[in-house]
Amino acid sequence: TVASTGESSYMEGVVASGSRVVRLSPLNAG
């Protein structure tokens, strides 16, 4: 879940949360 972290008073822009490294794990362990 990602969300912007703020909004300017004049609706000029918003700052999103930082970039992501998403790690997906292979389903082949036991």
PDB file of all heavy atoms in Angstrom:
ATOM      1  N   THR A   1       0.852  -1.188   0.000  1.00  0.00           N
ATOM      2  CA  THR A   1       0.000   0.000   0.000  1.00  0.00           C
ATOM      3  C   THR A   1       0.888   1.239   0.000  1.00  0.00           C
ATOM      4  O   THR A   1       1.772   1.381   0.856  1.00  0.00           O
ATOM      5  CB  THR A   1      -0.923   0.010   1.223  1.00  0.00           C
ATOM      6  OG1 THR A   1      -1.766  -1.144   1.172  1.00  0.00           O
ATOM      7  CG2 THR A   1      -1.800   1.252   1.227  1.00  0.00           C
ATOM      8  N   VAL A   2       0.662   2.109  -0.968  1.00  0.00           N
ATOM      9  CA  VAL A   2       1.472   3.316  -1.132  1.00  0.00           C
ATOM     10  C   VAL A   2       0.536   4.519  -1.120  1.00  0.00           C
ATOM     11  O   VAL A   2      -0.544   4.488  -1.704  1.00  0.00           O
ATOM     12  CB  VAL A   2       2.276   3.279  -2.447  1.00  0.00           C
ATOM     13  CG1 VAL A   2       3.137   4.529  -2.585  1.00  0.00           C
ATOM     14  CG2 VAL A   2       3.141   2.031  -2.508  1.00  0.00           C
ATOM     15  N   ALA A   3       0.992   5.600  -0.471  1.00  0.00           N
ATOM     16  CA  ALA A   3       0.174   6.812  -0.427  1.00  0.00           C
ATOM     17  C   ALA A   3       1.053   8.029  -0.544  1.00  0.00           C
ATOM     18  O   ALA A   3       2.231   8.011  -0.185  1.00  0.00           O
ATOM     19  CB  ALA A   3      -0.635   6.870   0.870  1.00  0.00           C
ATOM     20  N   SER A   4       0.494   9.127  -1.081  1.00  0.00           N
ATOM     21  CA  SER A   4       1.209  10.386  -1.070  1.00  0.00           C
ATOM     22  C   SER A   4       1.332  10.846   0.371  1.00  0.00           C
ATOM     23  O   SER A   4       0.476  10.558   1.211  1.00  0.00           O
ATOM     24  CB  SER A   4       0.447  11.415  -1.902  1.00  0.00           C
ATOM     25  OG  SER A   4      -0.889  11.509  -1.440  1.00  0.00           O
ATOM     26  N   THR A   5       2.386  11.571   0.665  1.00  0.00           N
ATOM     27  CA  THR A   5       2.658  11.945   2.065  1.00  0.00           C
ATOM     28  C   THR A   5       2.287  13.369   2.399  1.00  0.00           C
ATOM     29  O   THR A   5       2.364  13.777   3.542  1.00  0.00           O
ATOM     30  CB  THR A   5       4.150  11.752   2.365  1.00  0.00           C
ATOM     31  OG1 THR A   5       4.897  12.569   1.458  1.00  0.00           O
ATOM     32  CG2 THR A   5       4.539  10.303   2.181  1.00  0.00           C
ATOM     33  N   GLY A   6       1.884  14.157   1.407  1.00  0.00           N
ATOM     34  CA  GLY A   6       1.526  15.529   1.717  1.00  0.00           C
ATOM     35  C   GLY A   6       0.868  16.204   0.539  1.00  0.00           C
ATOM     36  O   GLY A   6       0.797  15.654  -0.554  1.00  0.00           O
ATOM     37  N   GLU A   7       0.384  17.394   0.742  1.00  0.00           N
ATOM     38  CA  GLU A   7      -0.277  18.135  -0.319  1.00  0.00           C
ATOM     39  C   GLU A   7       0.005  19.625  -0.100  1.00  0.00           C
ATOM     40  O   GLU A   7      -0.057  20.109   1.024  1.00  0.00           O
ATOM     41  CB  GLU A   7      -1.781  17.874  -0.281  1.00  0.00           C
ATOM     42  CG  GLU A   7      -2.555  18.587  -1.372  1.00  0.00           C
ATOM     43  CD  GLU A   7      -4.044  18.303  -1.261  1.00  0.00           C
ATOM     44  OE1 GLU A   7      -4.459  17.692  -0.271  1.00  0.00           O
ATOM     45  OE2 GLU A   7      -4.777  18.728  -2.158  1.00  0.00           O
ATOM     46  N   SER A   8       0.336  20.341  -1.174  1.00  0.00           N
ATOM     47  CA  SER A   8       0.623  21.770  -1.036  1.00  0.00           C
ATOM     48  C   SER A   8      -0.653  22.532  -0.724  1.00  0.00           C
ATOM     49  O   SER A   8      -1.759  22.091  -1.042  1.00  0.00           O
ATOM     50  CB  SER A   8       1.240  22.311  -2.327  1.00  0.00           C
ATOM     51  OG  SER A   8       0.266  22.365  -3.344  1.00  0.00           O
ATOM     52  N   SER A   9      -0.495  23.678  -0.141  1.00  0.00           N
ATOM     53  CA  SER A   9      -1.672  24.471   0.219  1.00  0.00           C
ATOM     54  C   SER A   9      -2.412  24.967  -1.000  1.00  0.00           C
ATOM     55  O   SER A   9      -3.590  25.300  -0.928  1.00  0.00           O
ATOM     56  CB  SER A   9      -1.243  25.657   1.099  1.00  0.00           C
ATOM     57  OG  SER A   9      -0.309  26.456   0.395  1.00  0.00           O
ATOM     58  N   TYR A  10      -1.703  25.062  -2.159  1.00  0.00           N
ATOM     59  CA  TYR A  10      -2.345  25.545  -3.377  1.00  0.00           C
ATOM     60  C   TYR A  10      -2.629  24.399  -4.358  1.00  0.00           C
ATOM     61  O   TYR A  10      -2.906  24.627  -5.526  1.00  0.00           O
ATOM     62  CB  TYR A  10      -1.445  26.599  -4.062  1.00  0.00           C
ATOM     63  CG  TYR A  10      -1.248  27.825  -3.232  1.00  0.00           C
ATOM     64  CD1 TYR A  10      -0.095  27.973  -2.454  1.00  0.00           C
ATOM     65  CD2 TYR A  10      -2.205  28.831  -3.199  1.00  0.00           C
ATOM     66  CE1 TYR A  10       0.092  29.111  -1.676  1.00  0.00           C
ATOM     67  CE2 TYR A  10      -2.020  29.968  -2.416  1.00  0.00           C
ATOM     68  CZ  TYR A  10      -0.872  30.101  -1.661  1.00  0.00           C
ATOM     69  OH  TYR A  10      -0.686  31.208  -0.881  1.00  0.00           O
ATOM     70  N   MET A  11      -2.608  23.125  -3.854  1.00  0.00           N
ATOM     71  CA  MET A  11      -2.870  21.955  -4.691  1.00  0.00           C
ATOM     72  C   MET A  11      -1.926  21.910  -5.891  1.00  0.00           C
ATOM     73  O   MET A  11      -2.268  21.445  -6.959  1.00  0.00           O
ATOM     74  CB  MET A  11      -4.325  21.958  -5.193  1.00  0.00           C
ATOM     75  CG  MET A  11      -5.356  21.938  -4.095  1.00  0.00           C
ATOM     76  SD  MET A  11      -5.300  20.456  -3.088  1.00  0.00           S
ATOM     77  CE  MET A  11      -5.940  19.285  -4.280  1.00  0.00           C
ATOM     78  N   GLU A  12      -0.688  22.427  -5.674  1.00  0.00           N
ATOM     79  CA  GLU A  12       0.246  22.447  -6.785  1.00  0.00           C
ATOM     80  C   GLU A  12       0.934  21.094  -6.959  1.00  0.00           C
ATOM     81  O   GLU A  12       1.483  20.805  -8.015  1.00  0.00           O
ATOM     82  CB  GLU A  12       1.304  23.531  -6.553  1.00  0.00           C
ATOM     83  CG  GLU A  12       0.724  24.938  -6.583  1.00  0.00           C
ATOM     84  CD  GLU A  12       1.777  25.959  -6.260  1.00  0.00           C
ATOM     85  OE1 GLU A  12       2.879  25.559  -5.838  1.00  0.00           O
ATOM     86  OE2 GLU A  12       1.509  27.166  -6.426  1.00  0.00           O
ATOM     87  N   GLY A  13       0.935  20.286  -5.975  1.00  0.00           N
ATOM     88  CA  GLY A  13       1.620  19.002  -6.116  1.00  0.00           C
ATOM     89  C   GLY A  13       1.634  18.240  -4.811  1.00  0.00           C
ATOM     90  O   GLY A  13       1.362  18.791  -3.748  1.00  0.00           O
ATOM     91  N   VAL A  14       1.934  16.969  -4.869  1.00  0.00           N
ATOM     92  CA  VAL A  14       1.990  16.129  -3.688  1.00  0.00           C
ATOM     93  C   VAL A  14       3.274  15.329  -3.719  1.00  0.00           C
ATOM     94  O   VAL A  14       3.881  15.126  -4.768  1.00  0.00           O
ATOM     95  CB  VAL A  14       0.780  15.169  -3.613  1.00  0.00           C
ATOM     96  CG1 VAL A  14      -0.494  15.954  -3.434  1.00  0.00           C
ATOM     97  CG2 VAL A  14       0.720  14.301  -4.855  1.00  0.00           C
ATOM     98  N   VAL A  15       3.686  14.883  -2.569  1.00  0.00           N
ATOM     99  CA  VAL A  15       4.909  14.091  -2.464  1.00  0.00           C
ATOM    100  C   VAL A  15       4.525  12.664  -2.133  1.00  0.00           C
ATOM    101  O   VAL A  15       3.899  12.408  -1.106  1.00  0.00           O
ATOM    102  CB  VAL A  15       5.839  14.659  -1.368  1.00  0.00           C
ATOM    103  CG1 VAL A  15       7.102  13.821  -1.283  1.00  0.00           C
ATOM    104  CG2 VAL A  15       6.188  16.106  -1.687  1.00  0.00           C
ATOM    105  N   ALA A  16       4.889  11.733  -2.982  1.00  0.00           N
ATOM    106  CA  ALA A  16       4.563  10.327  -2.741  1.00  0.00           C
ATOM    107  C   ALA A  16       5.587   9.698  -1.819  1.00  0.00           C
ATOM    108  O   ALA A  16       6.665  10.254  -1.594  1.00  0.00           O
ATOM    109  CB  ALA A  16       4.525   9.571  -4.062  1.00  0.00           C
ATOM    110  N   SER A  17       5.282   8.531  -1.271  1.00  0.00           N
ATOM    111  CA  SER A  17       6.244   7.813  -0.458  1.00  0.00           C
ATOM    112  C   SER A  17       7.397   7.344  -1.336  1.00  0.00           C
ATOM    113  O   SER A  17       7.306   7.334  -2.554  1.00  0.00           O
ATOM    114  CB  SER A  17       5.567   6.622   0.230  1.00  0.00           C
ATOM    115  OG  SER A  17       4.966   5.796  -0.727  1.00  0.00           O
ATOM    116  N   GLY A  18       8.484   6.908  -0.726  1.00  0.00           N
ATOM    117  CA  GLY A  18       9.707   6.603  -1.462  1.00  0.00           C
ATOM    118  C   GLY A  18       9.580   5.451  -2.424  1.00  0.00           C
ATOM    119  O   GLY A  18       8.601   4.728  -2.448  1.00  0.00           O
ATOM    120  N   SER A  19      10.571   5.266  -3.227  1.00  0.00           N
ATOM    121  CA  SER A  19      10.573   4.186  -4.213  1.00  0.00           C
ATOM    122  C   SER A  19      10.654   2.837  -3.520  1.00  0.00           C
ATOM    123  O   SER A  19      11.061   2.738  -2.366  1.00  0.00           O
ATOM    124  CB  SER A  19      11.741   4.367  -5.179  1.00  0.00           C
ATOM    125  OG  SER A  19      12.951   4.371  -4.455  1.00  0.00           O
ATOM    126  N   ARG A  20      10.303   1.782  -4.251  1.00  0.00           N
ATOM    127  CA  ARG A  20      10.190   0.469  -3.644  1.00  0.00           C
ATOM    128  C   ARG A  20      11.092  -0.561  -4.320  1.00  0.00           C
ATOM    129  O   ARG A  20      11.234  -0.572  -5.538  1.00  0.00           O
ATOM    130  CB  ARG A  20       8.738  -0.045  -3.732  1.00  0.00           C
ATOM    131  CG  ARG A  20       7.751   0.675  -2.834  1.00  0.00           C
ATOM    132  CD  ARG A  20       8.011   0.320  -1.359  1.00  0.00           C
ATOM    133  NE  ARG A  20       6.942   0.819  -0.521  1.00  0.00           N
ATOM    134  CZ  ARG A  20       6.955   2.016   0.049  1.00  0.00           C
ATOM    135  NH1 ARG A  20       7.966   2.818  -0.159  1.00  0.00           N
ATOM    136  NH2 ARG A  20       5.957   2.398   0.810  1.00  0.00           N
ATOM    137  N   VAL A  21      11.675  -1.419  -3.497  1.00  0.00           N
ATOM    138  CA  VAL A  21      12.280  -2.659  -3.976  1.00  0.00           C
ATOM    139  C   VAL A  21      11.361  -3.770  -3.488  1.00  0.00           C
ATOM    140  O   VAL A  21      11.237  -4.003  -2.288  1.00  0.00           O
ATOM    141  CB  VAL A  21      13.704  -2.864  -3.422  1.00  0.00           C
ATOM    142  CG1 VAL A  21      14.240  -4.218  -3.877  1.00  0.00           C
ATOM    143  CG2 VAL A  21      14.611  -1.750  -3.881  1.00  0.00           C
ATOM    144  N   VAL A  22      10.701  -4.406  -4.398  1.00  0.00           N
ATOM    145  CA  VAL A  22       9.724  -5.442  -4.050  1.00  0.00           C
ATOM    146  C   VAL A  22      10.371  -6.800  -4.282  1.00  0.00           C
ATOM    147  O   VAL A  22      10.756  -7.132  -5.410  1.00  0.00           O
ATOM    148  CB  VAL A  22       8.448  -5.302  -4.895  1.00  0.00           C
ATOM    149  CG1 VAL A  22       7.439  -6.363  -4.503  1.00  0.00           C
ATOM    150  CG2 VAL A  22       7.860  -3.911  -4.736  1.00  0.00           C
ATOM    151  N   ARG A  23      10.497  -7.587  -3.225  1.00  0.00           N
ATOM    152  CA  ARG A  23      11.111  -8.907  -3.319  1.00  0.00           C
ATOM    153  C   ARG A  23      10.027  -9.980  -3.350  1.00  0.00           C
ATOM    154  O   ARG A  23       9.238 -10.089  -2.420  1.00  0.00           O
ATOM    155  CB  ARG A  23      12.053  -9.152  -2.140  1.00  0.00           C
ATOM    156  CG  ARG A  23      13.192  -8.150  -2.057  1.00  0.00           C
ATOM    157  CD  ARG A  23      14.120  -8.452  -0.890  1.00  0.00           C
ATOM    158  NE  ARG A  23      15.177  -7.469  -0.782  1.00  0.00           N
ATOM    159  CZ  ARG A  23      16.313  -7.528  -1.492  1.00  0.00           C
ATOM    160  NH1 ARG A  23      16.515  -8.542  -2.313  1.00  0.00           N
ATOM    161  NH2 ARG A  23      17.224  -6.583  -1.342  1.00  0.00           N
ATOM    162  N   LEU A  24       9.992 -10.749  -4.428  1.00  0.00           N
ATOM    163  CA  LEU A  24       9.064 -11.873  -4.538  1.00  0.00           C
ATOM    164  C   LEU A  24       9.842 -13.168  -4.392  1.00  0.00           C
ATOM    165  O   LEU A  24      10.874 -13.359  -5.046  1.00  0.00           O
ATOM    166  CB  LEU A  24       8.341 -11.842  -5.891  1.00  0.00           C
ATOM    167  CG  LEU A  24       7.489 -10.609  -6.182  1.00  0.00           C
ATOM    168  CD1 LEU A  24       6.754 -10.787  -7.510  1.00  0.00           C
ATOM    169  CD2 LEU A  24       6.500 -10.333  -5.062  1.00  0.00           C
ATOM    170  N   SER A  25       9.346 -14.046  -3.540  1.00  0.00           N
ATOM    171  CA  SER A  25      10.066 -15.279  -3.239  1.00  0.00           C
ATOM    172  C   SER A  25       9.491 -16.444  -4.029  1.00  0.00           C
ATOM    173  O   SER A  25       8.264 -16.640  -4.057  1.00  0.00           O
ATOM    174  CB  SER A  25       9.980 -15.587  -1.745  1.00  0.00           C
ATOM    175  OG  SER A  25      10.535 -14.528  -0.991  1.00  0.00           O
ATOM    176  N   PRO A  26      10.350 -17.248  -4.663  1.00  0.00           N
ATOM    177  CA  PRO A  26       9.863 -18.422  -5.399  1.00  0.00           C
ATOM    178  C   PRO A  26       9.256 -19.446  -4.458  1.00  0.00           C
ATOM    179  O   PRO A  26       9.750 -19.665  -3.354  1.00  0.00           O
ATOM    180  CB  PRO A  26      11.129 -18.966  -6.081  1.00  0.00           C
ATOM    181  CG  PRO A  26      12.256 -18.461  -5.240  1.00  0.00           C
ATOM    182  CD  PRO A  26      11.824 -17.132  -4.720  1.00  0.00           C
ATOM    183  N   LEU A  27       8.142 -20.073  -4.885  1.00  0.00           N
ATOM    184  CA  LEU A  27       7.464 -21.076  -4.062  1.00  0.00           C
ATOM    185  C   LEU A  27       8.029 -22.468  -4.370  1.00  0.00           C
ATOM    186  O   LEU A  27       7.347 -23.344  -4.902  1.00  0.00           O
ATOM    187  CB  LEU A  27       5.952 -21.043  -4.329  1.00  0.00           C
ATOM    188  CG  LEU A  27       5.222 -19.792  -3.848  1.00  0.00           C
ATOM    189  CD1 LEU A  27       3.811 -19.731  -4.404  1.00  0.00           C
ATOM    190  CD2 LEU A  27       5.176 -19.758  -2.330  1.00  0.00           C
ATOM    191  N   ASN A  28       9.297 -22.670  -4.034  1.00  0.00           N
ATOM    192  CA  ASN A  28       9.920 -23.975  -4.289  1.00  0.00           C
ATOM    193  C   ASN A  28      10.780 -24.439  -3.123  1.00  0.00           C
ATOM    194  O   ASN A  28      11.660 -25.276  -3.282  1.00  0.00           O
ATOM    195  CB  ASN A  28      10.763 -23.920  -5.569  1.00  0.00           C
ATOM    196  CG  ASN A  28      11.875 -22.882  -5.494  1.00  0.00           C
ATOM    197  OD1 ASN A  28      11.990 -22.151  -4.516  1.00  0.00           O
ATOM    198  ND2 ASN A  28      12.690 -22.837  -6.531  1.00  0.00           N
ATOM    199  N   ALA A  29      10.527 -23.879  -1.932  1.00  0.00           N
ATOM    200  CA  ALA A  29      11.248 -24.316  -0.740  1.00  0.00           C
ATOM    201  C   ALA A  29      10.353 -25.261   0.073  1.00  0.00           C
ATOM    202  O   ALA A  29       9.160 -25.418  -0.214  1.00  0.00           O
ATOM    203  CB  ALA A  29      11.656 -23.117   0.105  1.00  0.00           C
ATOM    204  N   GLY A  30      10.915 -25.889   1.076  1.00  0.00           N
ATOM    205  CA  GLY A  30      10.134 -26.819   1.899  1.00  0.00           C
ATOM    206  C   GLY A  30      10.785 -27.048   3.241  1.00  0.00           C
ATOM    207  O   GLY A  30      11.948 -26.695   3.470  1.00  0.00           O
TER     208      GLY A  30
END
